[in-house]
Amino acid sequence: MLKKVFLAAAASLVLAGATMTMSPAPAMACHSGCHKAAKAMYPHDRKARHAYVKHCKAKHKAWKKAHRKHHLFG
């Protein structure tokens, strides 16, 4: 009985570790966060939010282009 409990605990730790490594953080790293910033700045003005998002995304793309890593083949 005790052996099964330890085996189940070990299996749950392994599964928990596997799910922790599959977090969406790497997928979210490339996003600029402009939508959330616009929503915070202009919660009730949709047109101002849209204009801010366009401006913010253009600024983010320019920053990414200026700071990209320069490789020999790409």
N, C-alpha and C. Protein backbone atom coordinates (compact mmCIF):
# COMPACT_ATOMS: atom_id res chain seq x y z
N MET A 1 0.82 -1.19 0.00
CA MET A 1 0.00 0.00 0.00
C MET A 1 0.87 1.26 0.00
N LEU A 2 1.84 1.30 0.89
CA LEU A 2 2.72 2.45 1.00
C LEU A 2 3.56 2.63 -0.27
N LYS A 3 3.93 1.50 -0.87
CA LYS A 3 4.70 1.53 -2.11
C LYS A 3 3.88 2.17 -3.23
N LYS A 4 2.58 1.89 -3.29
CA LYS A 4 1.70 2.47 -4.32
C LYS A 4 1.51 3.96 -4.11
N VAL A 5 1.47 4.38 -2.85
CA VAL A 5 1.31 5.81 -2.55
C VAL A 5 2.54 6.58 -3.01
N PHE A 6 3.73 6.03 -2.72
CA PHE A 6 4.95 6.69 -3.15
C PHE A 6 5.08 6.71 -4.67
N LEU A 7 4.67 5.62 -5.31
CA LEU A 7 4.71 5.55 -6.75
C LEU A 7 3.75 6.57 -7.38
N ALA A 8 2.56 6.70 -6.81
CA ALA A 8 1.59 7.69 -7.31
C ALA A 8 2.10 9.11 -7.09
N ALA A 9 2.74 9.36 -5.96
CA ALA A 9 3.28 10.70 -5.68
C ALA A 9 4.41 11.03 -6.66
N ALA A 10 5.26 10.06 -6.95
CA ALA A 10 6.34 10.29 -7.90
C ALA A 10 5.79 10.55 -9.30
N ALA A 11 4.78 9.79 -9.68
CA ALA A 11 4.17 9.98 -11.00
C ALA A 11 3.51 11.35 -11.11
N SER A 12 2.88 11.79 -10.05
CA SER A 12 2.24 13.11 -10.09
C SER A 12 3.28 14.22 -10.16
N LEU A 13 4.42 14.04 -9.51
CA LEU A 13 5.49 15.04 -9.60
C LEU A 13 6.06 15.11 -11.01
N VAL A 14 6.21 13.96 -11.64
CA VAL A 14 6.72 13.94 -13.01
C VAL A 14 5.73 14.63 -13.95
N LEU A 15 4.46 14.33 -13.80
CA LEU A 15 3.44 14.98 -14.64
C LEU A 15 3.35 16.47 -14.37
N ALA A 16 3.47 16.86 -13.12
CA ALA A 16 3.43 18.28 -12.79
C ALA A 16 4.64 19.00 -13.39
N GLY A 17 5.78 18.36 -13.37
CA GLY A 17 6.97 18.96 -13.97
C GLY A 17 6.83 19.09 -15.47
N ALA A 18 6.19 18.12 -16.10
CA ALA A 18 6.00 18.17 -17.55
C ALA A 18 5.03 19.28 -17.93
N THR A 19 4.01 19.49 -17.13
CA THR A 19 3.05 20.55 -17.46
C THR A 19 3.63 21.93 -17.17
N MET A 20 4.54 22.02 -16.23
CA MET A 20 5.16 23.32 -15.93
C MET A 20 6.09 23.76 -17.05
N THR A 21 6.72 22.81 -17.73
CA THR A 21 7.63 23.19 -18.81
C THR A 21 6.87 23.59 -20.07
N MET A 22 5.60 23.23 -20.17
CA MET A 22 4.81 23.58 -21.34
C MET A 22 4.01 24.86 -21.13
N SER A 23 4.55 25.78 -20.39
CA SER A 23 3.85 27.03 -20.13
C SER A 23 3.82 27.90 -21.39
N PRO A 24 2.84 28.78 -21.52
CA PRO A 24 2.74 29.61 -22.72
C PRO A 24 3.68 30.81 -22.72
N ALA A 25 4.57 30.90 -21.75
CA ALA A 25 5.47 32.05 -21.67
C ALA A 25 6.34 32.23 -22.91
N PRO A 26 6.95 31.19 -23.49
CA PRO A 26 7.74 31.43 -24.70
C PRO A 26 6.89 31.90 -25.87
N ALA A 27 5.67 31.44 -25.93
CA ALA A 27 4.80 31.88 -27.02
C ALA A 27 4.40 33.34 -26.85
N MET A 28 4.29 33.79 -25.62
CA MET A 28 3.89 35.16 -25.38
C MET A 28 5.07 36.12 -25.41
N ALA A 29 6.25 35.63 -25.44
CA ALA A 29 7.43 36.49 -25.38
C ALA A 29 7.57 37.38 -26.60
N CYS A 30 7.07 36.94 -27.74
CA CYS A 30 7.26 37.72 -28.96
C CYS A 30 6.19 38.80 -29.14
N HIS A 31 5.16 38.79 -28.34
CA HIS A 31 4.09 39.77 -28.49
C HIS A 31 4.46 41.09 -27.82
N SER A 32 3.93 42.16 -28.37
CA SER A 32 4.31 43.47 -27.89
C SER A 32 3.53 43.93 -26.66
N GLY A 33 2.33 43.42 -26.45
CA GLY A 33 1.51 43.84 -25.32
C GLY A 33 0.78 45.14 -25.57
N CYS A 34 0.68 45.54 -26.83
CA CYS A 34 0.06 46.83 -27.17
C CYS A 34 -1.44 46.84 -26.87
N HIS A 35 -2.09 45.71 -27.08
CA HIS A 35 -3.54 45.67 -26.86
C HIS A 35 -3.88 45.90 -25.39
N LYS A 36 -3.15 45.25 -24.51
CA LYS A 36 -3.41 45.42 -23.08
C LYS A 36 -3.09 46.84 -22.62
N ALA A 37 -2.02 47.41 -23.16
CA ALA A 37 -1.66 48.78 -22.80
C ALA A 37 -2.71 49.77 -23.28
N ALA A 38 -3.21 49.54 -24.50
CA ALA A 38 -4.24 50.42 -25.04
C ALA A 38 -5.53 50.30 -24.24
N LYS A 39 -5.86 49.09 -23.85
CA LYS A 39 -7.09 48.86 -23.06
C LYS A 39 -6.99 49.56 -21.70
N ALA A 40 -5.78 49.58 -21.14
CA ALA A 40 -5.59 50.25 -19.86
C ALA A 40 -5.63 51.77 -20.00
N MET A 41 -5.08 52.28 -21.10
CA MET A 41 -5.03 53.73 -21.28
C MET A 41 -6.36 54.32 -21.72
N TYR A 42 -7.05 53.61 -22.60
CA TYR A 42 -8.32 54.11 -23.15
C TYR A 42 -9.41 53.05 -22.99
N PRO A 43 -9.94 52.88 -21.78
CA PRO A 43 -10.91 51.80 -21.57
C PRO A 43 -12.26 52.03 -22.25
N HIS A 44 -12.62 53.28 -22.53
CA HIS A 44 -13.96 53.54 -23.07
C HIS A 44 -13.95 54.15 -24.46
N ASP A 45 -12.78 54.38 -25.04
CA ASP A 45 -12.70 55.02 -26.34
C ASP A 45 -12.09 54.06 -27.35
N ARG A 46 -12.92 53.42 -28.15
CA ARG A 46 -12.48 52.38 -29.07
C ARG A 46 -11.58 52.93 -30.18
N LYS A 47 -11.91 54.10 -30.70
CA LYS A 47 -11.10 54.68 -31.78
C LYS A 47 -9.71 55.07 -31.28
N ALA A 48 -9.63 55.61 -30.09
CA ALA A 48 -8.33 55.97 -29.53
C ALA A 48 -7.50 54.72 -29.26
N ARG A 49 -8.16 53.65 -28.79
CA ARG A 49 -7.47 52.37 -28.56
C ARG A 49 -6.89 51.84 -29.86
N HIS A 50 -7.69 51.89 -30.93
CA HIS A 50 -7.24 51.39 -32.23
C HIS A 50 -6.04 52.19 -32.74
N ALA A 51 -6.10 53.50 -32.60
CA ALA A 51 -4.99 54.34 -33.04
C ALA A 51 -3.74 54.07 -32.21
N TYR A 52 -3.91 53.89 -30.91
CA TYR A 52 -2.77 53.62 -30.04
C TYR A 52 -2.14 52.27 -30.36
N VAL A 53 -2.98 51.26 -30.63
CA VAL A 53 -2.46 49.94 -30.96
C VAL A 53 -1.66 49.99 -32.25
N LYS A 54 -2.14 50.71 -33.26
CA LYS A 54 -1.41 50.83 -34.52
C LYS A 54 -0.05 51.50 -34.30
N HIS A 55 -0.06 52.57 -33.53
CA HIS A 55 1.18 53.30 -33.24
C HIS A 55 2.15 52.42 -32.45
N CYS A 56 1.63 51.74 -31.46
CA CYS A 56 2.46 50.90 -30.59
C CYS A 56 3.06 49.73 -31.37
N LYS A 57 2.26 49.10 -32.23
CA LYS A 57 2.77 47.97 -33.01
C LYS A 57 3.85 48.42 -33.99
N ALA A 58 3.66 49.58 -34.59
CA ALA A 58 4.68 50.08 -35.51
C ALA A 58 5.98 50.36 -34.76
N LYS A 59 5.85 50.92 -33.57
CA LYS A 59 7.03 51.20 -32.75
C LYS A 59 7.71 49.90 -32.32
N HIS A 60 6.91 48.90 -31.96
CA HIS A 60 7.45 47.60 -31.55
C HIS A 60 8.17 46.91 -32.72
N LYS A 61 7.58 46.96 -33.92
CA LYS A 61 8.21 46.35 -35.08
C LYS A 61 9.53 47.04 -35.42
N ALA A 62 9.56 48.36 -35.30
CA ALA A 62 10.79 49.10 -35.57
C ALA A 62 11.86 48.72 -34.55
N TRP A 63 11.48 48.57 -33.30
CA TRP A 63 12.42 48.19 -32.27
C TRP A 63 12.97 46.79 -32.53
N LYS A 64 12.07 45.85 -32.89
CA LYS A 64 12.51 44.49 -33.18
C LYS A 64 13.47 44.45 -34.36
N LYS A 65 13.19 45.24 -35.39
CA LYS A 65 14.06 45.26 -36.56
C LYS A 65 15.43 45.83 -36.21
N ALA A 66 15.46 46.84 -35.37
CA ALA A 66 16.72 47.47 -34.99
C ALA A 66 17.54 46.58 -34.06
N HIS A 67 16.88 45.75 -33.27
CA HIS A 67 17.58 44.96 -32.27
C HIS A 67 17.66 43.48 -32.61
N ARG A 68 17.37 43.09 -33.83
CA ARG A 68 17.45 41.67 -34.16
C ARG A 68 18.92 41.24 -34.22
N LYS A 69 19.11 39.98 -33.99
CA LYS A 69 20.47 39.45 -34.01
C LYS A 69 20.93 39.29 -35.44
N HIS A 70 22.12 39.69 -35.73
CA HIS A 70 22.67 39.60 -37.08
C HIS A 70 23.48 38.31 -37.19
N HIS A 71 22.95 37.38 -37.95
CA HIS A 71 23.63 36.12 -38.17
C HIS A 71 24.27 36.12 -39.56
N LEU A 72 25.15 35.19 -39.76
CA LEU A 72 25.85 35.09 -41.03
C LEU A 72 24.90 34.68 -42.16
N PHE A 73 23.98 33.76 -41.85
CA PHE A 73 23.06 33.26 -42.89
C PHE A 73 21.61 33.63 -42.57
N GLY A 74 21.28 34.81 -42.21
CA GLY A 74 19.89 35.12 -41.96
C GLY A 74 19.75 36.39 -41.30
